[in-house]
N, C-alpha and C. Protein backbone atom coordinates (compact mmCIF):
# COMPACT_ATOMS: atom_id res chain seq x y z
N MET A 1 -7.80 10.59 -32.99
CA MET A 1 -6.62 9.77 -32.67
C MET A 1 -6.54 10.59 -31.30
N ILE A 2 -6.18 10.47 -30.16
CA ILE A 2 -5.93 9.95 -28.59
C ILE A 2 -4.41 10.83 -28.06
N PHE A 3 -4.42 11.43 -27.76
CA PHE A 3 -2.77 11.86 -26.95
C PHE A 3 -2.88 11.58 -25.28
N ALA A 4 -2.05 11.20 -25.14
CA ALA A 4 -1.27 10.98 -23.55
C ALA A 4 -0.55 11.07 -23.32
N THR A 5 -0.51 12.29 -21.68
CA THR A 5 1.07 13.08 -21.94
C THR A 5 1.16 12.39 -20.53
N THR A 6 2.64 12.08 -19.95
CA THR A 6 2.96 12.00 -18.66
C THR A 6 3.23 12.90 -17.90
N GLY A 7 4.06 13.85 -18.86
CA GLY A 7 5.22 14.66 -18.29
C GLY A 7 6.38 14.02 -18.54
N THR A 8 7.24 14.40 -18.15
CA THR A 8 8.51 13.60 -18.01
C THR A 8 10.04 13.91 -17.40
N CYS A 9 9.29 14.36 -15.64
CA CYS A 9 9.84 14.24 -14.71
C CYS A 9 10.05 12.97 -13.77
N GLU A 10 9.08 12.18 -13.76
CA GLU A 10 8.23 11.43 -12.91
C GLU A 10 7.53 9.85 -13.99
N PRO A 11 7.83 8.61 -13.36
CA PRO A 11 6.71 7.57 -14.38
C PRO A 11 5.47 7.23 -14.19
N PHE A 12 4.39 7.57 -14.52
CA PHE A 12 3.32 7.12 -14.40
C PHE A 12 2.51 6.08 -14.35
N ASP A 13 3.12 4.68 -14.42
CA ASP A 13 2.85 3.50 -14.69
C ASP A 13 1.31 3.12 -14.47
N ARG A 14 0.53 3.68 -13.50
CA ARG A 14 -0.86 3.37 -13.22
C ARG A 14 -1.78 3.60 -14.13
N LEU A 15 -1.14 5.03 -14.66
CA LEU A 15 -2.22 5.66 -15.83
C LEU A 15 -1.89 5.21 -17.05
N LEU A 16 -0.29 4.60 -17.44
CA LEU A 16 0.15 3.91 -19.15
C LEU A 16 -0.29 2.76 -19.46
N HIS A 17 -0.40 2.12 -17.15
CA HIS A 17 -1.61 -0.03 -17.93
C HIS A 17 -2.65 0.36 -18.05
N ALA A 18 -3.23 1.61 -17.36
CA ALA A 18 -4.99 2.53 -17.53
C ALA A 18 -5.17 1.87 -19.22
N PHE A 19 -4.35 2.25 -20.36
CA PHE A 19 -4.59 2.09 -21.10
C PHE A 19 -4.34 0.21 -21.98
N ASP A 20 -3.57 -0.24 -21.48
CA ASP A 20 -4.31 -1.82 -21.99
C ASP A 20 -5.58 -2.40 -21.53
N THR A 21 -6.56 -2.03 -20.91
CA THR A 21 -7.65 -2.26 -20.33
C THR A 21 -8.74 -1.76 -21.54
N ILE A 22 -8.52 -1.29 -22.02
CA ILE A 22 -9.12 -0.67 -23.05
C ILE A 22 -8.83 -0.81 -24.38
N GLU A 23 -10.52 -1.01 -24.99
CA GLU A 23 -10.67 -1.12 -26.64
C GLU A 23 -10.69 0.25 -26.75
N LEU A 24 -9.52 0.41 -28.40
CA LEU A 24 -9.37 1.81 -28.54
C LEU A 24 -9.91 1.57 -29.92
N ASP A 25 -10.06 2.17 -30.68
CA ASP A 25 -10.27 2.11 -32.48
C ASP A 25 -10.01 3.36 -33.53
N GLU A 26 -8.93 3.82 -32.77
CA GLU A 26 -8.67 4.94 -33.29
C GLU A 26 -6.85 5.01 -32.83
N GLU A 27 -5.98 6.01 -33.21
CA GLU A 27 -4.84 5.91 -33.30
C GLU A 27 -4.47 6.31 -30.93
N LEU A 28 -3.22 5.63 -31.09
CA LEU A 28 -3.17 6.41 -29.52
C LEU A 28 -1.81 6.41 -29.26
N VAL A 29 -1.55 7.64 -28.90
CA VAL A 29 -0.22 8.44 -29.38
C VAL A 29 -0.23 8.70 -27.41
N VAL A 30 1.28 8.04 -26.85
CA VAL A 30 1.97 8.77 -25.79
C VAL A 30 2.75 8.72 -25.62
N GLN A 31 3.06 10.43 -25.20
CA GLN A 31 4.48 10.42 -24.29
C GLN A 31 4.50 10.22 -22.94
N HIS A 32 5.12 8.85 -22.74
CA HIS A 32 5.67 7.98 -21.72
C HIS A 32 6.92 8.71 -20.63
N GLY A 33 7.84 10.01 -20.70
CA GLY A 33 8.65 10.10 -20.39
C GLY A 33 9.27 9.19 -19.42
N ILE A 34 9.79 9.04 -18.88
CA ILE A 34 11.18 7.79 -18.22
C ILE A 34 10.50 6.36 -17.86
N SER A 35 8.92 6.91 -17.73
CA SER A 35 8.56 5.10 -17.55
C SER A 35 8.70 4.19 -18.21
N PRO A 36 9.36 3.03 -17.85
CA PRO A 36 9.10 2.09 -18.67
C PRO A 36 8.01 0.94 -19.10
N VAL A 37 6.62 1.41 -19.57
CA VAL A 37 5.82 1.04 -19.49
C VAL A 37 5.16 1.31 -21.04
N ARG A 38 5.05 0.67 -21.85
CA ARG A 38 4.29 0.76 -23.11
C ARG A 38 3.12 0.80 -23.38
N PRO A 39 2.30 1.18 -23.36
CA PRO A 39 0.86 0.74 -23.87
C PRO A 39 0.47 0.01 -24.79
N ARG A 40 0.15 -1.30 -25.03
CA ARG A 40 0.00 -2.23 -26.29
C ARG A 40 -0.96 -0.98 -27.63
N GLY A 41 -0.81 -1.45 -28.67
CA GLY A 41 -0.78 -0.29 -29.71
C GLY A 41 -0.73 0.97 -29.52
N ALA A 42 -0.04 1.22 -29.22
CA ALA A 42 0.64 2.93 -28.48
C ALA A 42 1.17 3.01 -29.82
N ARG A 43 1.44 4.56 -30.45
CA ARG A 43 2.73 4.73 -31.05
C ARG A 43 3.09 5.81 -29.76
N CYS A 44 4.47 4.83 -29.38
CA CYS A 44 4.97 5.61 -27.69
C CYS A 44 6.71 6.89 -28.09
N VAL A 45 6.55 7.38 -27.80
CA VAL A 45 7.55 8.26 -27.86
C VAL A 45 8.26 9.01 -25.80
N ASP A 46 9.40 8.95 -25.88
CA ASP A 46 9.36 9.14 -24.27
C ASP A 46 9.60 10.75 -24.53
N PHE A 47 10.10 11.97 -25.19
CA PHE A 47 10.33 13.34 -24.82
C PHE A 47 9.92 13.29 -25.92
N LEU A 48 9.29 14.74 -26.03
CA LEU A 48 8.58 15.26 -27.48
C LEU A 48 9.13 17.09 -27.18
N ALA A 49 9.79 17.89 -28.52
CA ALA A 49 9.27 19.41 -27.75
C ALA A 49 8.38 19.82 -27.87
N TYR A 50 8.41 21.03 -27.74
CA TYR A 50 7.22 21.70 -26.95
C TYR A 50 6.38 21.64 -28.17
N ALA A 51 6.51 22.36 -29.29
CA ALA A 51 6.23 22.28 -30.92
C ALA A 51 5.19 21.36 -31.24
N GLU A 52 6.34 19.81 -31.19
CA GLU A 52 5.61 18.47 -31.36
C GLU A 52 4.27 18.61 -29.99
N LEU A 53 4.78 18.52 -28.99
CA LEU A 53 3.45 18.63 -28.33
C LEU A 53 2.34 19.43 -28.34
N THR A 54 2.31 20.36 -28.58
CA THR A 54 1.38 21.02 -28.90
C THR A 54 0.56 20.98 -30.54
N GLU A 55 1.13 20.09 -31.22
CA GLU A 55 0.92 19.77 -32.05
C GLU A 55 -0.18 19.05 -32.41
N LEU A 56 0.41 17.74 -30.93
CA LEU A 56 -0.17 16.56 -31.27
C LEU A 56 -1.41 17.28 -30.51
N MET A 57 -1.55 17.29 -29.66
CA MET A 57 -2.54 18.11 -28.64
C MET A 57 -3.91 18.69 -29.72
N ARG A 58 -3.08 19.68 -30.24
CA ARG A 58 -4.22 20.07 -31.48
C ARG A 58 -4.89 19.34 -32.54
N ARG A 59 -4.13 18.88 -33.28
CA ARG A 59 -4.57 16.99 -33.86
C ARG A 59 -5.72 16.12 -33.31
N ALA A 60 -5.56 15.95 -31.61
CA ALA A 60 -6.32 14.89 -30.79
C ALA A 60 -8.12 15.20 -30.32
N ARG A 61 -8.07 14.48 -30.39
CA ARG A 61 -9.54 13.37 -30.46
C ARG A 61 -9.54 14.42 -28.99
N VAL A 62 -9.51 13.31 -28.00
CA VAL A 62 -8.58 13.82 -26.77
C VAL A 62 -7.34 14.16 -26.60
N VAL A 63 -7.13 14.61 -25.50
CA VAL A 63 -6.41 14.71 -24.70
C VAL A 63 -5.80 14.59 -23.51
N VAL A 64 -5.48 13.06 -23.28
CA VAL A 64 -5.47 12.55 -21.51
C VAL A 64 -4.16 13.07 -21.02
N THR A 65 -3.59 13.31 -19.60
CA THR A 65 -2.71 14.17 -19.09
C THR A 65 -2.86 14.11 -17.69
N HIS A 66 -1.64 13.50 -17.63
CA HIS A 66 -1.67 13.74 -15.52
C HIS A 66 -1.74 15.30 -14.85
N GLY A 67 -1.84 15.38 -13.93
CA GLY A 67 -2.61 16.48 -13.29
C GLY A 67 -1.21 18.27 -13.13
N GLY A 68 -0.81 17.52 -14.19
CA GLY A 68 0.83 18.87 -13.75
C GLY A 68 0.20 20.03 -14.39
N VAL A 69 0.40 21.62 -13.63
CA VAL A 69 0.06 22.67 -13.93
C VAL A 69 0.49 22.85 -15.80
N GLY A 70 1.92 22.56 -15.41
CA GLY A 70 2.26 22.82 -17.65
C GLY A 70 1.24 22.13 -18.97
N SER A 71 1.36 21.05 -18.05
CA SER A 71 0.84 19.74 -19.01
C SER A 71 -0.81 20.63 -19.07
N VAL A 72 -1.46 20.59 -17.71
CA VAL A 72 -3.31 20.73 -17.82
C VAL A 72 -3.16 22.49 -18.89
N LEU A 73 -2.73 23.31 -18.21
CA LEU A 73 -2.77 24.68 -19.05
C LEU A 73 -2.42 24.59 -20.28
N THR A 74 -0.86 23.33 -21.11
CA THR A 74 -0.70 23.58 -22.47
C THR A 74 -2.36 23.16 -23.05
N ALA A 75 -2.66 21.95 -22.88
CA ALA A 75 -3.57 21.51 -23.27
C ALA A 75 -5.19 22.66 -23.40
N LEU A 76 -4.54 23.46 -22.66
CA LEU A 76 -5.68 24.52 -22.35
C LEU A 76 -5.91 25.60 -23.72
N ALA A 77 -4.74 26.33 -23.18
CA ALA A 77 -4.39 27.12 -24.02
C ALA A 77 -4.06 26.65 -25.70
N ASN A 78 -4.28 25.75 -26.13
CA ASN A 78 -4.69 25.05 -27.64
C ASN A 78 -5.70 24.26 -27.47
N GLY A 79 -7.22 24.62 -26.50
CA GLY A 79 -8.72 24.28 -27.02
C GLY A 79 -9.03 23.33 -27.03
N LYS A 80 -8.18 22.57 -25.84
CA LYS A 80 -8.76 21.45 -25.29
C LYS A 80 -8.88 20.92 -24.20
N ARG A 81 -10.20 20.43 -24.03
CA ARG A 81 -11.03 20.50 -22.13
C ARG A 81 -9.96 19.24 -22.28
N PRO A 82 -8.80 19.08 -21.73
CA PRO A 82 -8.28 17.58 -21.45
C PRO A 82 -8.53 16.36 -20.30
N VAL A 83 -8.53 15.11 -20.89
CA VAL A 83 -9.39 14.31 -19.50
C VAL A 83 -7.83 14.68 -18.77
N VAL A 84 -8.08 14.56 -17.28
CA VAL A 84 -7.34 14.03 -15.98
C VAL A 84 -7.19 13.54 -15.40
N VAL A 85 -5.41 12.55 -15.06
CA VAL A 85 -5.86 11.52 -14.12
C VAL A 85 -4.55 12.06 -13.33
N PRO A 86 -4.47 12.35 -11.98
CA PRO A 86 -3.74 12.98 -11.17
C PRO A 86 -2.87 12.17 -10.82
N ARG A 87 -1.30 12.63 -10.24
CA ARG A 87 -1.16 11.50 -9.41
C ARG A 87 -1.38 11.35 -8.11
N ARG A 88 -0.90 10.53 -7.55
CA ARG A 88 -1.66 10.44 -6.32
C ARG A 88 -0.12 10.15 -5.59
N ALA A 89 -0.08 10.64 -3.84
CA ALA A 89 0.68 10.90 -3.56
C ALA A 89 0.48 9.24 -2.28
N ASP A 90 -0.44 9.04 -2.24
CA ASP A 90 -0.67 7.57 -1.32
C ASP A 90 -0.26 6.10 -2.21
N ARG A 91 -0.21 6.55 -3.92
CA ARG A 91 -0.07 5.48 -4.92
C ARG A 91 1.57 5.54 -5.39
N GLY A 92 2.27 6.51 -3.99
CA GLY A 92 4.13 6.48 -4.17
C GLY A 92 3.84 7.27 -5.52
N GLU A 93 3.61 7.86 -6.80
CA GLU A 93 3.53 8.86 -7.66
C GLU A 93 3.87 10.29 -7.34
N ALA A 94 3.59 10.83 -6.21
CA ALA A 94 4.16 12.09 -5.46
C ALA A 94 4.33 12.44 -4.01
N ILE A 95 5.20 13.26 -4.26
CA ILE A 95 5.66 13.82 -2.92
C ILE A 95 4.13 14.33 -1.93
N ASP A 96 3.11 15.15 -2.81
CA ASP A 96 1.66 15.36 -1.85
C ASP A 96 0.78 15.66 -2.93
N ASP A 97 -0.21 15.65 -2.47
CA ASP A 97 -1.07 15.65 -3.37
C ASP A 97 -1.35 16.82 -4.43
N HIS A 98 -0.37 17.92 -4.24
CA HIS A 98 -0.90 18.74 -4.93
C HIS A 98 -1.37 19.19 -6.48
N GLN A 99 -1.69 17.66 -7.13
CA GLN A 99 -1.87 17.06 -8.53
C GLN A 99 -3.51 17.36 -8.43
N LEU A 100 -3.61 16.14 -7.66
CA LEU A 100 -5.40 16.55 -6.99
C LEU A 100 -5.57 17.34 -6.56
N GLU A 101 -5.48 18.12 -5.43
CA GLU A 101 -5.51 19.65 -5.33
C GLU A 101 -6.13 20.51 -6.26
N PHE A 102 -5.46 21.33 -7.44
CA PHE A 102 -5.00 21.62 -8.08
C PHE A 102 -6.48 21.40 -9.28
N VAL A 103 -6.51 20.03 -10.06
CA VAL A 103 -7.45 19.45 -10.98
C VAL A 103 -8.81 19.01 -10.42
N ARG A 104 -9.09 19.69 -8.70
CA ARG A 104 -10.07 19.23 -8.24
C ARG A 104 -10.82 20.71 -8.58
N LYS A 105 -10.30 21.45 -8.17
CA LYS A 105 -10.70 22.84 -7.75
C LYS A 105 -10.87 23.54 -10.08
N LEU A 106 -10.05 23.10 -10.59
CA LEU A 106 -10.61 22.90 -11.58
C LEU A 106 -11.78 22.12 -12.81
N ALA A 107 -11.38 20.93 -12.71
CA ALA A 107 -13.04 20.00 -12.45
C ALA A 107 -14.24 20.55 -11.78
N ALA A 108 -14.41 21.22 -11.39
CA ALA A 108 -15.43 22.31 -10.50
C ALA A 108 -15.86 23.81 -11.03
N THR A 109 -14.59 23.82 -11.80
CA THR A 109 -15.21 24.47 -13.18
C THR A 109 -16.10 24.37 -14.11
N GLY A 110 -15.43 23.01 -14.02
CA GLY A 110 -16.19 22.36 -15.81
C GLY A 110 -15.06 22.37 -17.08
N VAL A 111 -13.36 23.57 -17.01
CA VAL A 111 -12.77 23.31 -18.27
C VAL A 111 -12.10 21.73 -18.29
N ILE A 112 -12.16 21.18 -17.02
CA ILE A 112 -11.83 19.74 -17.46
C ILE A 112 -12.09 18.61 -16.58
N ASP A 113 -11.70 17.11 -17.72
CA ASP A 113 -13.24 16.40 -17.13
C ASP A 113 -11.80 15.18 -16.41
N LEU A 114 -11.97 15.30 -15.04
CA LEU A 114 -11.15 14.96 -13.99
C LEU A 114 -11.43 13.24 -13.66
N VAL A 115 -10.27 12.44 -13.96
CA VAL A 115 -10.56 11.22 -13.76
C VAL A 115 -9.72 10.77 -12.54
N GLU A 116 -10.23 9.91 -11.23
CA GLU A 116 -9.59 10.02 -10.51
C GLU A 116 -8.31 8.74 -9.93
N GLU A 117 -9.30 8.12 -10.68
CA GLU A 117 -8.94 6.39 -10.77
C GLU A 117 -9.35 6.39 -12.76
N PRO A 118 -7.49 5.60 -12.74
CA PRO A 118 -6.83 5.55 -13.83
C PRO A 118 -8.27 4.28 -14.83
N GLU A 119 -8.78 3.46 -13.78
CA GLU A 119 -9.81 2.34 -14.18
C GLU A 119 -10.91 3.07 -14.66
N GLN A 120 -11.41 4.71 -14.72
CA GLN A 120 -12.49 4.54 -15.07
C GLN A 120 -12.40 5.19 -16.07
N LEU A 121 -10.82 5.04 -16.79
CA LEU A 121 -10.59 5.78 -17.91
C LEU A 121 -11.23 5.75 -19.11
N GLY A 122 -11.44 4.49 -18.90
CA GLY A 122 -12.57 3.37 -20.61
C GLY A 122 -13.84 4.54 -20.41
N ALA A 123 -14.23 4.31 -19.43
CA ALA A 123 -15.83 4.52 -19.43
C ALA A 123 -15.66 6.39 -19.71
N ARG A 124 -14.42 7.00 -19.17
CA ARG A 124 -14.09 8.76 -19.34
C ARG A 124 -14.56 8.35 -21.47
N LEU A 125 -13.52 8.14 -21.66
CA LEU A 125 -13.16 7.50 -23.20
C LEU A 125 -14.18 7.24 -24.23
N ALA A 126 -15.10 6.56 -24.00
CA ALA A 126 -15.91 5.91 -24.71
C ALA A 126 -17.17 7.42 -25.07
N THR A 127 -17.42 8.59 -23.78
CA THR A 127 -18.25 9.13 -23.94
C THR A 127 -17.57 10.52 -24.22
N ALA A 128 -15.98 10.49 -24.59
CA ALA A 128 -15.45 11.61 -25.12
C ALA A 128 -15.66 12.04 -26.64
N HIS A 129 -16.07 13.54 -26.49
CA HIS A 129 -16.67 13.96 -28.27
C HIS A 129 -14.80 14.34 -28.88
N ASP A 130 -14.74 15.81 -29.04
CA ASP A 130 -13.63 15.99 -29.48
C ASP A 130 -13.23 16.92 -28.50
N GLY A 131 -12.99 16.53 -26.89
CA GLY A 131 -12.61 17.27 -26.17
C GLY A 131 -11.47 18.22 -26.57
N ALA A 132 -13.01 19.28 -26.74
CA ALA A 132 -13.06 20.88 -27.37
C ALA A 132 -12.76 21.55 -26.31
N LEU A 133 -12.71 22.55 -26.40
CA LEU A 133 -12.73 23.62 -24.56
C LEU A 133 -13.78 23.93 -25.23
N ARG A 134 -14.77 23.85 -24.09
CA ARG A 134 -16.63 24.98 -24.77
C ARG A 134 -17.25 25.85 -23.70
N VAL A 135 -15.97 25.96 -22.81
CA VAL A 135 -16.20 27.44 -21.93
C VAL A 135 -16.20 29.18 -21.99
N ALA A 136 -15.89 29.53 -21.62
CA ALA A 136 -15.87 31.05 -21.83
C ALA A 136 -14.75 31.33 -20.28
N PRO A 137 -13.96 32.09 -20.39
CA PRO A 137 -12.41 32.39 -19.02
C PRO A 137 -13.10 33.20 -18.34
N ASP A 138 -12.81 32.63 -16.69
CA ASP A 138 -13.91 32.40 -16.02
C ASP A 138 -12.73 33.19 -14.54
N ALA A 139 -13.15 34.46 -14.62
CA ALA A 139 -12.32 35.36 -13.57
C ALA A 139 -11.70 35.36 -12.32
N ARG A 140 -12.45 34.36 -12.10
CA ARG A 140 -12.72 34.20 -9.93
C ARG A 140 -11.68 32.83 -10.23
N LEU A 141 -11.48 32.07 -11.08
CA LEU A 141 -10.81 30.86 -11.37
C LEU A 141 -9.82 31.21 -11.23
N VAL A 142 -9.28 32.58 -12.10
CA VAL A 142 -8.06 32.95 -13.00
C VAL A 142 -7.68 32.97 -11.40
N SER A 143 -7.79 34.28 -11.08
CA SER A 143 -8.02 34.51 -9.14
C SER A 143 -7.49 34.10 -8.49
N GLU A 144 -8.05 32.86 -8.40
CA GLU A 144 -7.82 31.56 -7.42
C GLU A 144 -6.82 30.88 -7.51
N LEU A 145 -6.71 30.69 -9.08
CA LEU A 145 -5.61 29.47 -9.21
C LEU A 145 -4.26 30.32 -9.34
N ARG A 146 -4.07 31.53 -9.83
CA ARG A 146 -2.84 32.69 -9.39
C ARG A 146 -2.62 32.25 -7.17
N ASP A 147 -3.85 32.77 -6.45
CA ASP A 147 -3.66 32.68 -5.44
C ASP A 147 -3.09 31.17 -5.33
N TYR A 148 -3.71 30.21 -5.66
CA TYR A 148 -3.12 28.89 -5.26
C TYR A 148 -1.50 28.94 -5.13
N LEU A 149 -1.25 29.35 -7.11
CA LEU A 149 0.53 28.72 -7.78
C LEU A 149 1.26 30.13 -6.74
N THR A 150 0.46 30.90 -6.59
CA THR A 150 1.95 31.94 -4.82
C THR A 150 2.22 31.66 -3.79
N ALA A 151 0.81 30.73 -3.00
CA ALA A 151 0.69 30.00 -2.35
C ALA A 151 1.96 29.03 -1.92
N ALA A 152 1.63 28.68 -3.76
CA ALA A 152 2.40 26.63 -3.59
C ALA A 152 3.72 27.66 -3.12
N ALA A 153 4.75 28.11 -3.85
CA ALA A 153 5.71 28.67 -4.12
C ALA A 153 6.49 28.68 -3.40
């Protein structure tokens, strides 16, 4: 099963439309938030309780998420190396590129798979195995992320 989450605050139609261009041979569950887009063939839910969200992440072969800190860290905390598609300011999906900056830092350490353009998602999913996180914690990364989040606050 592939589980995709767009978060709850803003629509991420560009990501959801990308699923319609991909041939999947497995179940797709999508938490779409306030977006009106429903990928064909997907089991779609608007919002999930946190326990349901984490259970779906644990059961998923692959977790696809936007670049929100909460969603990315929840996937990591549940043992998944997520495929992350960040919202972009130049596409009107965010007020700035904080998601892009955040996930590029994480991608450089190897804890996530970054897909900057949803059009590339199909190729990434075709090569994804089980999405399990197989890297050791990096103290330097934790320190840099703490500094980054403190400066952004």
